[in-house]
N, C-alpha and C. Protein backbone atom coordinates (compact mmCIF):
# COMPACT_ATOMS: atom_id res chain seq x y z
N MET A 1 8.14 14.51 2.52
CA MET A 1 9.25 15.48 2.81
C MET A 1 9.39 15.39 4.58
N ALA A 2 10.80 15.33 4.74
CA ALA A 2 10.99 15.24 6.05
C ALA A 2 11.50 16.54 6.56
N LEU A 3 11.12 16.99 7.81
CA LEU A 3 11.48 18.19 8.43
C LEU A 3 12.60 17.80 9.51
N LEU A 4 13.80 18.36 9.38
CA LEU A 4 14.81 18.12 10.36
C LEU A 4 15.24 19.31 11.01
N GLY A 5 15.64 19.19 12.20
CA GLY A 5 16.33 20.41 12.96
C GLY A 5 16.22 20.23 14.27
N PRO A 6 17.11 20.97 15.14
CA PRO A 6 17.22 20.74 16.44
C PRO A 6 15.84 21.36 17.27
N SER A 7 15.69 20.95 18.62
CA SER A 7 14.56 21.37 19.39
C SER A 7 14.45 22.92 19.16
N GLY A 8 13.20 23.34 19.14
CA GLY A 8 12.97 24.88 18.89
C GLY A 8 13.34 25.37 17.49
N ALA A 9 13.52 24.66 16.46
CA ALA A 9 13.85 25.11 15.19
C ALA A 9 12.65 25.64 14.39
N GLY A 10 11.33 25.10 14.83
CA GLY A 10 10.10 25.58 14.28
C GLY A 10 9.46 24.57 13.42
N LYS A 11 9.84 23.24 13.54
CA LYS A 11 9.22 22.20 12.93
C LYS A 11 7.74 22.12 13.27
N SER A 12 7.45 21.94 14.59
CA SER A 12 6.04 22.00 14.99
C SER A 12 5.12 23.11 14.72
N THR A 13 5.82 24.28 14.75
CA THR A 13 5.03 25.50 14.40
C THR A 13 4.77 25.53 12.82
N LEU A 14 5.73 25.02 12.08
CA LEU A 14 5.30 24.97 10.51
C LEU A 14 4.11 23.90 10.34
N LEU A 15 4.39 22.79 10.97
CA LEU A 15 3.14 21.74 10.81
C LEU A 15 1.68 22.47 11.40
N GLY A 16 1.97 23.31 12.50
CA GLY A 16 0.69 23.85 13.01
C GLY A 16 0.14 24.86 11.85
N LEU A 17 1.06 25.63 11.29
CA LEU A 17 0.61 26.51 10.17
C LEU A 17 -0.05 25.73 9.09
N ALA A 18 0.39 24.71 8.81
CA ALA A 18 -0.22 23.85 7.67
C ALA A 18 -1.45 23.32 8.00
N ASN A 19 -1.87 23.06 9.23
CA ASN A 19 -3.18 22.36 9.61
C ASN A 19 -4.15 23.38 10.17
N GLY A 20 -3.78 24.75 10.28
CA GLY A 20 -4.58 25.78 10.62
C GLY A 20 -4.54 26.07 12.14
N ALA A 21 -3.89 25.12 12.85
CA ALA A 21 -3.88 25.27 14.40
C ALA A 21 -3.09 26.61 14.73
N VAL A 22 -2.09 27.07 14.02
CA VAL A 22 -1.32 28.19 14.28
C VAL A 22 -1.65 29.20 13.15
N LEU A 23 -1.90 30.47 13.53
CA LEU A 23 -2.21 31.52 12.52
C LEU A 23 -0.97 32.22 12.35
N PRO A 24 -0.68 32.71 11.00
CA PRO A 24 0.69 33.40 10.69
C PRO A 24 0.40 34.79 11.29
N THR A 25 1.53 35.27 11.81
CA THR A 25 1.59 36.81 12.07
C THR A 25 1.85 37.72 10.92
N SER A 26 2.52 37.17 10.09
CA SER A 26 2.78 37.73 8.76
C SER A 26 2.82 36.92 7.72
N GLY A 27 2.65 37.40 6.44
CA GLY A 27 2.54 36.52 5.23
C GLY A 27 1.43 35.64 5.17
N SER A 28 1.36 34.61 4.43
CA SER A 28 0.21 33.80 4.30
C SER A 28 0.57 32.33 3.96
N VAL A 29 -0.33 31.38 4.26
CA VAL A 29 -0.06 30.00 4.28
C VAL A 29 -1.26 29.41 3.25
N ARG A 30 -0.87 28.69 2.07
CA ARG A 30 -1.79 27.98 1.37
C ARG A 30 -1.64 26.50 1.46
N VAL A 31 -2.58 25.82 1.77
CA VAL A 31 -2.77 24.43 1.89
C VAL A 31 -3.60 23.75 0.81
N LEU A 32 -3.27 22.86 0.20
CA LEU A 32 -4.06 22.26 -0.85
C LEU A 32 -4.70 23.41 -1.79
N ASP A 33 -6.05 23.60 -1.80
CA ASP A 33 -6.56 24.83 -2.48
C ASP A 33 -7.20 25.89 -1.65
N GLY A 34 -6.69 25.98 -0.41
CA GLY A 34 -7.23 26.94 0.43
C GLY A 34 -6.04 27.51 1.50
N ALA A 35 -6.49 28.63 2.01
CA ALA A 35 -5.79 29.25 3.14
C ALA A 35 -6.56 29.15 4.43
N PRO A 36 -5.92 28.34 5.38
CA PRO A 36 -6.52 28.07 6.60
C PRO A 36 -6.96 29.32 7.35
N ALA A 37 -6.10 30.36 7.27
CA ALA A 37 -6.26 31.46 8.14
C ALA A 37 -7.51 32.42 7.65
N GLU A 38 -7.79 32.19 6.42
CA GLU A 38 -8.94 32.99 5.72
C GLU A 38 -10.33 32.35 5.67
N LEU A 39 -10.30 30.96 6.11
CA LEU A 39 -11.55 30.42 6.01
C LEU A 39 -12.21 30.11 7.43
N ARG A 40 -13.63 30.12 7.44
CA ARG A 40 -14.43 29.92 8.73
C ARG A 40 -15.60 29.00 8.20
N GLY A 41 -16.07 28.24 9.23
CA GLY A 41 -17.23 27.46 9.06
C GLY A 41 -16.99 26.25 8.25
N ARG A 42 -17.95 25.99 7.51
CA ARG A 42 -17.89 24.69 6.54
C ARG A 42 -16.72 24.65 5.57
N PRO A 43 -16.22 25.69 5.03
CA PRO A 43 -15.24 25.73 4.26
C PRO A 43 -13.92 25.25 4.91
N LEU A 44 -13.71 25.78 6.26
CA LEU A 44 -12.58 25.42 6.94
C LEU A 44 -12.67 23.92 7.42
N ARG A 45 -13.87 23.53 7.82
CA ARG A 45 -13.96 22.07 8.14
C ARG A 45 -13.68 21.08 6.98
N ARG A 46 -14.15 21.50 5.85
CA ARG A 46 -13.82 20.68 4.57
C ARG A 46 -12.35 20.53 4.33
N LEU A 47 -11.62 21.75 4.42
CA LEU A 47 -10.17 21.69 4.30
C LEU A 47 -9.43 20.88 5.29
N ARG A 48 -9.79 20.95 6.54
CA ARG A 48 -9.26 20.22 7.63
C ARG A 48 -9.65 18.72 7.45
N SER A 49 -10.77 18.37 6.81
CA SER A 49 -10.95 16.88 6.74
C SER A 49 -10.05 16.32 5.60
N ARG A 50 -9.50 17.15 4.83
CA ARG A 50 -8.48 16.77 3.63
C ARG A 50 -7.10 16.68 4.20
N VAL A 51 -7.02 17.04 5.40
CA VAL A 51 -5.55 17.23 6.05
C VAL A 51 -5.55 16.45 7.40
N GLY A 52 -4.74 15.45 7.43
CA GLY A 52 -4.54 14.55 8.58
C GLY A 52 -3.39 14.90 9.35
N THR A 53 -3.36 14.88 10.66
CA THR A 53 -2.08 15.22 11.45
C THR A 53 -2.05 14.17 12.63
N VAL A 54 -0.68 13.80 12.66
CA VAL A 54 -0.28 12.91 13.93
C VAL A 54 0.43 14.03 14.80
N HIS A 55 -0.17 14.43 15.87
CA HIS A 55 0.38 15.49 16.65
C HIS A 55 1.48 14.86 17.56
N GLN A 56 2.39 15.71 17.94
CA GLN A 56 3.38 15.28 18.84
C GLN A 56 2.68 14.96 20.18
N HIS A 57 1.81 15.38 20.82
CA HIS A 57 1.04 14.92 22.06
C HIS A 57 -0.19 14.03 21.70
N LEU A 58 -0.43 13.62 20.45
CA LEU A 58 -1.24 12.64 20.07
C LEU A 58 -2.73 13.03 19.93
N GLU A 59 -3.13 13.79 20.94
CA GLU A 59 -4.45 14.24 21.08
C GLU A 59 -5.54 13.14 20.92
N LEU A 60 -5.33 12.23 21.86
CA LEU A 60 -6.16 11.09 22.06
C LEU A 60 -6.90 11.24 23.52
N VAL A 61 -8.03 10.80 23.51
CA VAL A 61 -8.97 10.80 24.69
C VAL A 61 -8.82 9.45 25.58
N GLY A 62 -7.88 9.53 26.46
CA GLY A 62 -7.60 8.37 27.27
C GLY A 62 -8.73 7.58 27.75
N GLN A 63 -9.79 8.19 28.22
CA GLN A 63 -10.95 7.47 28.85
C GLN A 63 -11.75 6.65 27.79
N LEU A 64 -11.65 7.02 26.51
CA LEU A 64 -12.29 6.23 25.40
C LEU A 64 -11.55 5.07 25.07
N ARG A 65 -12.35 4.19 24.53
CA ARG A 65 -11.60 2.80 24.02
C ARG A 65 -10.85 3.22 22.62
N VAL A 66 -9.99 2.19 22.40
CA VAL A 66 -9.25 2.54 21.13
C VAL A 66 -10.13 2.81 19.89
N VAL A 67 -11.22 1.94 19.73
CA VAL A 67 -12.08 1.99 18.66
C VAL A 67 -12.44 3.47 18.36
N HIS A 68 -12.88 4.13 19.53
CA HIS A 68 -13.57 5.44 19.37
C HIS A 68 -12.38 6.41 18.96
N ASN A 69 -10.98 6.27 19.45
CA ASN A 69 -10.24 7.19 19.15
C ASN A 69 -9.75 7.02 17.58
N VAL A 70 -9.78 5.86 17.16
CA VAL A 70 -9.50 5.59 15.62
C VAL A 70 -10.63 6.13 14.79
N ASN A 71 -11.61 5.98 15.22
CA ASN A 71 -13.04 6.40 14.46
C ASN A 71 -12.88 7.93 14.50
N ALA A 72 -12.23 8.67 15.38
CA ALA A 72 -12.29 10.22 15.48
C ALA A 72 -11.78 10.71 14.00
N GLY A 73 -10.86 9.88 13.44
CA GLY A 73 -10.45 10.31 12.13
C GLY A 73 -11.47 10.43 10.99
N ARG A 74 -12.86 9.94 11.22
CA ARG A 74 -13.77 9.96 10.33
C ARG A 74 -14.97 10.95 10.81
N LEU A 75 -14.72 11.64 11.98
CA LEU A 75 -15.70 12.32 12.39
C LEU A 75 -16.19 13.49 11.41
N GLY A 76 -15.27 14.11 10.75
CA GLY A 76 -15.50 15.10 9.99
C GLY A 76 -16.16 14.85 8.64
N SER A 77 -16.19 13.46 8.32
CA SER A 77 -17.22 12.98 7.14
C SER A 77 -18.40 12.43 7.70
N TRP A 78 -18.65 12.28 8.87
CA TRP A 78 -19.99 11.81 9.34
C TRP A 78 -20.87 12.77 9.73
N PRO A 79 -22.25 12.48 9.53
CA PRO A 79 -23.20 13.41 10.29
C PRO A 79 -23.25 13.33 11.81
N ALA A 80 -23.61 14.24 12.43
CA ALA A 80 -23.64 14.33 13.99
C ALA A 80 -24.22 13.11 14.68
N SER A 81 -25.29 12.81 14.01
CA SER A 81 -26.22 11.69 14.49
C SER A 81 -25.51 10.28 14.47
N ARG A 82 -24.65 9.99 13.43
CA ARG A 82 -23.74 8.86 13.30
C ARG A 82 -22.52 8.92 14.29
N ALA A 83 -21.99 10.10 14.51
CA ALA A 83 -20.90 10.23 15.25
C ALA A 83 -21.17 10.04 16.71
N ALA A 84 -22.48 10.48 17.05
CA ALA A 84 -22.91 10.25 18.57
C ALA A 84 -23.15 8.80 18.65
N TRP A 85 -23.95 8.15 17.75
CA TRP A 85 -24.27 6.81 17.82
C TRP A 85 -23.14 5.94 17.91
N SER A 86 -21.98 6.27 17.27
CA SER A 86 -20.68 5.47 17.17
C SER A 86 -20.18 5.39 18.66
N LEU A 87 -20.36 6.29 19.54
CA LEU A 87 -19.81 6.24 20.94
C LEU A 87 -20.74 5.20 21.68
N VAL A 88 -21.85 4.76 21.38
CA VAL A 88 -22.72 3.82 21.89
C VAL A 88 -22.36 2.45 21.31
N ARG A 89 -22.27 2.43 19.93
CA ARG A 89 -22.23 1.22 19.11
C ARG A 89 -21.16 1.62 17.93
N PRO A 90 -19.86 1.26 18.22
CA PRO A 90 -18.93 1.75 17.30
C PRO A 90 -19.17 1.36 15.75
N GLN A 91 -19.08 2.36 14.86
CA GLN A 91 -19.47 2.30 13.47
C GLN A 91 -18.13 1.77 12.81
N GLY A 92 -18.17 1.24 11.54
CA GLY A 92 -17.16 0.93 10.81
C GLY A 92 -16.09 0.16 11.35
N LEU A 93 -16.61 -0.85 12.14
CA LEU A 93 -15.52 -1.70 12.79
C LEU A 93 -14.56 -2.45 11.83
N PRO A 94 -14.98 -2.95 10.78
CA PRO A 94 -14.09 -3.61 9.85
C PRO A 94 -12.74 -2.71 9.46
N GLU A 95 -13.21 -1.33 9.20
CA GLU A 95 -12.15 -0.51 8.75
C GLU A 95 -11.19 -0.06 9.79
N VAL A 96 -11.77 0.02 11.15
CA VAL A 96 -10.96 0.30 12.38
C VAL A 96 -9.97 -0.93 12.57
N LEU A 97 -10.69 -2.25 12.50
CA LEU A 97 -9.60 -3.34 12.71
C LEU A 97 -8.62 -3.30 11.60
N ALA A 98 -8.91 -3.18 10.43
CA ALA A 98 -8.00 -3.23 9.39
C ALA A 98 -6.87 -2.09 9.60
N ALA A 99 -7.19 -0.92 10.14
CA ALA A 99 -6.02 0.02 10.28
C ALA A 99 -5.36 -0.35 11.42
N LEU A 100 -5.84 -0.96 12.53
CA LEU A 100 -5.24 -1.34 13.74
C LEU A 100 -4.47 -2.54 13.47
N GLU A 101 -4.79 -3.57 12.51
CA GLU A 101 -3.94 -4.52 12.12
C GLU A 101 -2.56 -3.97 11.41
N GLN A 102 -2.71 -2.98 10.80
CA GLN A 102 -1.50 -2.41 10.07
C GLN A 102 -0.53 -1.94 10.95
N VAL A 103 -0.81 -1.45 12.15
CA VAL A 103 -0.15 -1.19 13.07
C VAL A 103 0.13 -1.94 14.35
N GLN A 104 -0.32 -3.16 14.17
CA GLN A 104 -0.25 -4.33 15.05
C GLN A 104 -0.78 -4.25 16.48
N LEU A 105 -1.90 -3.49 16.43
CA LEU A 105 -2.82 -3.42 17.71
C LEU A 105 -4.30 -3.97 17.53
N ALA A 106 -4.57 -4.79 16.56
CA ALA A 106 -5.91 -5.00 16.42
C ALA A 106 -6.46 -5.85 17.64
N ASP A 107 -5.72 -6.49 18.58
CA ASP A 107 -6.00 -7.06 19.63
C ASP A 107 -6.53 -6.18 20.81
N ARG A 108 -6.22 -5.01 20.59
CA ARG A 108 -6.52 -3.76 21.59
C ARG A 108 -7.62 -2.88 21.36
N VAL A 109 -8.52 -3.36 20.33
CA VAL A 109 -9.53 -2.54 19.81
C VAL A 109 -10.50 -1.92 20.81
N PHE A 110 -10.83 -2.74 21.90
CA PHE A 110 -11.78 -2.35 22.73
C PHE A 110 -11.27 -1.90 24.01
N GLU A 111 -9.77 -1.84 24.10
CA GLU A 111 -9.14 -1.56 25.46
C GLU A 111 -9.23 0.04 25.66
N ARG A 112 -9.31 0.52 26.81
CA ARG A 112 -9.27 1.80 27.14
C ARG A 112 -7.77 2.55 26.74
N THR A 113 -7.93 3.53 26.01
CA THR A 113 -6.65 4.07 25.47
C THR A 113 -5.65 4.56 26.55
N ASP A 114 -5.94 4.93 27.60
CA ASP A 114 -5.20 5.19 28.52
C ASP A 114 -4.38 4.25 29.42
N ARG A 115 -4.70 2.93 29.05
CA ARG A 115 -3.90 1.72 29.51
C ARG A 115 -2.95 1.16 28.65
N LEU A 116 -2.75 1.90 27.43
CA LEU A 116 -1.69 1.66 26.54
C LEU A 116 -0.42 2.23 26.95
N SER A 117 0.62 1.70 26.47
CA SER A 117 1.96 2.33 26.49
C SER A 117 2.11 3.49 25.64
N GLY A 118 3.17 4.39 25.80
CA GLY A 118 3.26 5.37 24.91
C GLY A 118 3.35 5.12 23.45
N GLY A 119 4.11 4.07 23.15
CA GLY A 119 4.39 3.61 21.89
C GLY A 119 2.96 3.07 21.14
N GLN A 120 2.25 2.38 21.94
CA GLN A 120 1.01 1.83 21.44
C GLN A 120 -0.24 3.06 21.26
N ARG A 121 -0.03 4.15 22.13
CA ARG A 121 -0.93 5.24 21.74
C ARG A 121 -0.45 5.94 20.75
N GLN A 122 0.79 6.07 20.34
CA GLN A 122 1.36 6.56 19.16
C GLN A 122 0.80 5.87 17.87
N ARG A 123 0.69 4.44 17.90
CA ARG A 123 0.28 3.81 16.79
C ARG A 123 -1.34 3.90 16.63
N VAL A 124 -1.94 4.03 17.66
CA VAL A 124 -3.61 4.37 17.57
C VAL A 124 -3.60 5.67 16.90
N ALA A 125 -2.76 6.71 17.13
CA ALA A 125 -2.96 8.00 16.42
C ALA A 125 -2.70 7.71 14.98
N VAL A 126 -1.72 6.79 14.49
CA VAL A 126 -1.50 6.68 13.07
C VAL A 126 -2.81 5.86 12.54
N ALA A 127 -3.41 4.98 13.18
CA ALA A 127 -4.56 4.02 12.66
C ALA A 127 -5.60 5.12 12.53
N ARG A 128 -5.75 6.11 13.37
CA ARG A 128 -6.65 7.13 13.23
C ARG A 128 -6.61 7.99 11.90
N LEU A 129 -5.27 8.18 11.52
CA LEU A 129 -5.00 8.77 10.13
C LEU A 129 -5.44 7.86 9.02
N LEU A 130 -5.08 6.53 9.28
CA LEU A 130 -5.36 5.56 8.14
C LEU A 130 -6.78 5.53 7.76
N VAL A 131 -7.70 5.75 8.83
CA VAL A 131 -9.16 5.62 8.59
C VAL A 131 -9.64 6.90 7.96
N GLN A 132 -8.93 7.92 8.31
CA GLN A 132 -9.29 9.26 7.60
C GLN A 132 -8.96 9.46 6.24
N ARG A 133 -7.95 8.86 5.97
CA ARG A 133 -7.42 8.86 4.49
C ARG A 133 -7.45 10.30 3.79
N PRO A 134 -6.71 11.14 4.56
CA PRO A 134 -6.35 12.38 4.07
C PRO A 134 -5.54 12.66 2.74
N GLU A 135 -5.60 13.77 2.01
CA GLU A 135 -4.68 14.03 1.09
C GLU A 135 -3.42 14.53 1.43
N LEU A 136 -3.28 15.16 2.51
CA LEU A 136 -2.10 15.69 2.90
C LEU A 136 -1.94 15.25 4.50
N VAL A 137 -0.81 14.55 4.57
CA VAL A 137 -0.50 13.83 6.02
C VAL A 137 0.76 14.80 6.70
N LEU A 138 0.38 15.33 7.83
CA LEU A 138 1.17 16.05 8.70
C LEU A 138 1.56 15.15 9.76
N ALA A 139 2.80 15.01 10.09
CA ALA A 139 3.13 13.96 11.09
C ALA A 139 4.38 14.75 11.92
N ASP A 140 4.09 14.96 13.26
CA ASP A 140 5.03 15.51 14.24
C ASP A 140 5.51 14.49 14.98
N GLU A 141 6.78 14.09 14.68
CA GLU A 141 7.54 13.06 15.41
C GLU A 141 6.89 11.73 15.66
N PRO A 142 6.30 11.24 14.51
CA PRO A 142 5.21 10.07 14.55
C PRO A 142 5.95 8.69 14.95
N ALA A 143 7.22 8.64 15.13
CA ALA A 143 8.01 7.35 15.42
C ALA A 143 8.76 7.50 16.71
N SER A 144 8.55 8.64 17.45
CA SER A 144 9.56 9.01 18.44
C SER A 144 9.55 7.88 19.67
N ALA A 145 8.39 7.21 19.79
CA ALA A 145 8.21 6.35 20.94
C ALA A 145 8.28 4.78 20.48
N LEU A 146 8.82 4.64 19.17
CA LEU A 146 8.66 3.27 18.56
C LEU A 146 10.11 2.73 18.41
N ASP A 147 10.17 1.42 18.46
CA ASP A 147 11.35 0.76 18.19
C ASP A 147 11.57 0.91 16.77
N PRO A 148 12.98 0.62 16.21
CA PRO A 148 13.39 0.71 14.92
C PRO A 148 12.37 0.11 13.80
N SER A 149 12.14 -1.18 14.13
CA SER A 149 11.28 -1.83 13.17
C SER A 149 9.84 -1.17 12.98
N LEU A 150 9.18 -0.90 14.03
CA LEU A 150 7.88 -0.31 14.10
C LEU A 150 7.97 1.25 13.49
N ALA A 151 9.15 1.81 13.88
CA ALA A 151 9.30 3.25 13.07
C ALA A 151 9.38 3.21 11.64
N ASP A 152 10.07 2.07 11.12
CA ASP A 152 10.09 1.85 9.70
C ASP A 152 8.67 1.54 9.22
N ARG A 153 7.92 0.77 9.88
CA ARG A 153 6.59 0.22 9.34
C ARG A 153 5.74 1.73 9.42
N VAL A 154 5.73 2.37 10.43
CA VAL A 154 4.76 3.52 10.60
C VAL A 154 5.14 4.58 9.47
N LEU A 155 6.50 4.77 9.14
CA LEU A 155 6.72 5.76 8.11
C LEU A 155 6.31 5.15 6.72
N GLU A 156 6.51 3.89 6.56
CA GLU A 156 5.92 3.35 5.23
C GLU A 156 4.51 3.37 5.19
N LEU A 157 3.85 3.24 6.30
CA LEU A 157 2.32 3.32 6.12
C LEU A 157 1.78 4.90 5.77
N LEU A 158 2.47 5.78 6.43
CA LEU A 158 2.16 7.16 6.18
C LEU A 158 2.49 7.58 4.72
N ALA A 159 3.79 7.25 4.44
CA ALA A 159 4.11 7.52 3.03
C ALA A 159 3.22 6.89 2.08
N GLY A 160 2.87 5.79 2.25
CA GLY A 160 1.97 4.98 1.36
C GLY A 160 0.66 5.74 1.24
N LEU A 161 0.21 6.04 2.46
CA LEU A 161 -1.15 6.73 2.37
C LEU A 161 -1.16 8.01 1.60
N ALA A 162 -0.12 8.81 1.80
CA ALA A 162 -0.10 9.86 0.93
C ALA A 162 0.03 9.64 -0.52
N VAL A 163 0.80 8.63 -1.06
CA VAL A 163 0.98 8.23 -2.15
C VAL A 163 -0.59 7.78 -2.93
N ASP A 164 -1.08 7.15 -2.10
CA ASP A 164 -2.46 6.50 -2.63
C ASP A 164 -3.39 7.52 -2.83
N ARG A 165 -3.37 8.63 -2.02
CA ARG A 165 -4.26 9.61 -2.26
C ARG A 165 -3.81 10.70 -3.05
N GLY A 166 -2.64 10.51 -3.91
CA GLY A 166 -2.09 11.60 -4.69
C GLY A 166 -1.64 12.66 -4.01
N GLY A 167 -1.36 12.59 -2.73
CA GLY A 167 -0.96 13.84 -1.98
C GLY A 167 0.41 13.86 -1.59
N ALA A 168 0.64 14.25 -0.31
CA ALA A 168 1.98 14.43 0.16
C ALA A 168 1.91 14.06 1.84
N LEU A 169 3.23 13.76 2.15
CA LEU A 169 3.52 13.51 3.58
C LEU A 169 4.61 14.51 4.02
N VAL A 170 4.26 15.33 5.09
CA VAL A 170 5.38 16.20 5.65
C VAL A 170 5.48 15.63 7.09
N ALA A 171 6.77 15.21 7.34
CA ALA A 171 6.91 14.51 8.78
C ALA A 171 8.14 15.31 9.40
N SER A 172 7.81 15.73 10.58
CA SER A 172 9.00 16.16 11.44
C SER A 172 9.62 14.88 12.12
N LEU A 173 10.97 14.71 11.91
CA LEU A 173 11.53 13.47 12.46
C LEU A 173 12.87 13.88 13.13
N HIS A 174 13.17 13.18 14.03
CA HIS A 174 14.32 13.30 15.00
C HIS A 174 15.38 12.38 14.55
N ASP A 175 15.07 11.38 13.79
CA ASP A 175 16.13 10.43 13.31
C ASP A 175 16.30 10.72 11.80
N PRO A 176 17.39 11.15 11.31
CA PRO A 176 17.64 11.51 10.04
C PRO A 176 17.81 10.23 9.10
N THR A 177 18.09 9.13 9.74
CA THR A 177 18.06 7.91 8.90
C THR A 177 16.71 7.51 8.26
N LEU A 178 15.63 7.85 9.12
CA LEU A 178 14.30 7.66 8.72
C LEU A 178 14.01 8.46 7.53
N ALA A 179 14.39 9.66 7.57
CA ALA A 179 14.25 10.67 6.41
C ALA A 179 14.86 10.13 5.11
N LEU A 180 16.13 9.50 5.31
CA LEU A 180 16.75 9.04 3.99
C LEU A 180 16.10 7.87 3.52
N ARG A 181 15.43 6.96 4.40
CA ARG A 181 14.88 5.77 4.02
C ARG A 181 13.59 6.01 3.27
N HIS A 182 12.79 6.99 3.88
CA HIS A 182 11.33 7.06 3.59
C HIS A 182 10.97 8.32 2.74
N CYS A 183 11.64 9.35 2.75
CA CYS A 183 11.29 10.59 2.11
C CYS A 183 12.02 10.80 0.88
N THR A 184 11.53 11.80 0.07
CA THR A 184 12.08 12.13 -1.21
C THR A 184 12.75 13.39 -1.12
N ARG A 185 12.61 14.16 -0.02
CA ARG A 185 12.97 15.53 0.24
C ARG A 185 13.13 15.84 1.67
N VAL A 186 14.33 16.47 1.87
CA VAL A 186 14.71 16.90 3.22
C VAL A 186 14.66 18.55 3.26
N VAL A 187 14.06 18.99 4.39
CA VAL A 187 14.08 20.54 4.73
C VAL A 187 14.56 20.53 6.11
N GLY A 188 15.76 21.23 6.34
CA GLY A 188 16.36 21.48 7.55
C GLY A 188 16.00 22.88 7.95
N LEU A 189 15.45 22.89 9.24
CA LEU A 189 15.33 24.41 9.91
C LEU A 189 16.21 24.57 11.05
N VAL A 190 16.55 25.85 11.23
CA VAL A 190 17.45 26.34 12.44
C VAL A 190 16.91 27.64 12.69
N GLY A 191 16.27 27.90 13.93
CA GLY A 191 15.87 29.27 14.16
C GLY A 191 14.71 29.71 13.31
N GLY A 192 13.91 28.80 12.90
CA GLY A 192 12.75 29.28 12.11
C GLY A 192 13.11 29.51 10.76
N ARG A 193 14.19 29.28 10.07
CA ARG A 193 14.92 29.48 8.80
C ARG A 193 15.11 28.22 8.24
N VAL A 194 15.02 28.33 6.90
CA VAL A 194 15.35 26.91 6.01
C VAL A 194 16.75 27.15 5.83
N VAL A 195 17.68 26.19 6.30
CA VAL A 195 19.10 26.31 5.80
C VAL A 195 19.47 24.95 5.05
N LEU A 196 18.53 23.94 4.79
CA LEU A 196 18.83 22.86 4.01
C LEU A 196 17.47 22.47 3.18
N ASP A 197 17.54 22.34 1.96
CA ASP A 197 16.50 21.93 1.20
C ASP A 197 17.05 21.16 -0.02
N ALA A 198 16.86 19.85 -0.01
CA ALA A 198 17.65 18.87 -1.08
C ALA A 198 16.80 17.64 -1.04
N PRO A 199 16.76 17.04 -2.37
CA PRO A 199 16.23 15.59 -2.54
C PRO A 199 17.08 14.66 -1.60
N THR A 200 16.62 13.77 -1.04
CA THR A 200 17.36 12.71 -0.25
C THR A 200 18.27 11.91 -1.25
N ALA A 201 17.92 11.89 -2.39
CA ALA A 201 18.92 11.09 -3.29
C ALA A 201 20.38 11.97 -3.34
N ALA A 202 20.28 13.16 -3.03
CA ALA A 202 21.61 13.91 -3.16
C ALA A 202 22.22 14.10 -1.73
N LEU A 203 21.70 13.37 -0.67
CA LEU A 203 22.33 13.55 0.57
C LEU A 203 22.78 12.20 1.18
N SER A 204 23.71 12.27 2.18
CA SER A 204 24.26 11.03 2.79
C SER A 204 24.17 11.30 4.30
N ALA A 205 24.30 10.30 5.00
CA ALA A 205 24.16 10.25 6.32
C ALA A 205 25.21 11.19 6.97
N GLY A 206 26.29 11.32 6.19
CA GLY A 206 27.37 12.29 6.45
C GLY A 206 26.91 13.78 6.51
N ASP A 207 26.12 14.14 5.31
CA ASP A 207 25.71 15.40 5.12
C ASP A 207 24.74 15.87 6.29
N LEU A 208 23.94 14.78 6.69
CA LEU A 208 23.06 15.24 7.96
C LEU A 208 23.76 15.33 9.08
N ALA A 209 24.79 14.59 9.22
CA ALA A 209 25.67 14.80 10.49
C ALA A 209 26.33 16.21 10.37
N ASP A 210 26.71 16.73 9.34
CA ASP A 210 27.18 18.08 9.21
C ASP A 210 26.13 18.99 9.54
N PHE A 211 24.80 18.83 9.21
CA PHE A 211 23.70 19.68 9.48
C PHE A 211 23.43 19.75 10.92
N TYR A 212 23.52 18.76 11.58
CA TYR A 212 23.29 18.63 13.08
C TYR A 212 24.69 19.02 13.78
N GLY A 213 25.64 19.17 13.08
CA GLY A 213 26.98 19.39 13.78
C GLY A 213 27.51 18.36 14.79
N THR A 214 27.28 17.14 14.19
CA THR A 214 27.75 16.06 15.14
C THR A 214 28.99 15.32 14.29
N PRO A 215 29.57 14.65 15.06
CA PRO A 215 30.93 14.12 14.34
C PRO A 215 30.39 12.87 13.47
N ARG A 216 31.06 12.62 12.49
CA ARG A 216 30.69 11.69 11.52
C ARG A 216 31.23 10.33 12.07
C-alpha cells in the first residue's frame, strides 16, 4: 500500500502509530496481532521484531561501519551476548553481504556509514530491513534520495520482502508513479484524513495529478 499526500498530511505520523513510536491520543491501533500502545516489555519487543521500518531520517549510527548498521536489523532476535560480540567480530557476514549486494553496496560493507552519500545510507537502511525479514514493512520515503532505477529496485525489494513473508508493505511515497508501479493500493491523506483509497488498477497518473491538484 502506498501512502500519498502533501507535506504535513500525516503520512509519517500514521507510520509511527503502526510501529509504536507514536501513541494514539484517541482511538486504538492494532498491528498484526497486537496493540503497540497496550504492550510492554517482552511482548512489545516481540511485536516490534515482526515490524521493520525504514525511517525518513534512517536512524543509522554514522560512526559504525556499514556491517554493524545492517546487523542492527537482527538485534531483536539475538541474545545480548551475541549482539555485543558482533560489534567486535561481525556476525552473519554472508547474510549482510547478500543484503548489501541486492542494494549494490557490497563493496562498502566495512566502510564507516557517515562516509557514505545520502542515497547510499538510504540503501544501508533497506539492507538492514532485508536481514531483519519482518512480516510488516513500513517505509517512510524509502526512495527519496535515489535515482529512478535504484528507486524502482528498492521498491521491488521491499514489496518482494513483504510478499515472501506473507505480510504487507506500507510505504509513504512522494513519487506517485512509484505507487502505480509497485503497490496494489493507494491511500491519499490530506490534513490527517483519508481522502483517497483505491486499488492502483483503478487509478491513472491523471487521477493522482487531480489528487495533488497539479496540471495533467
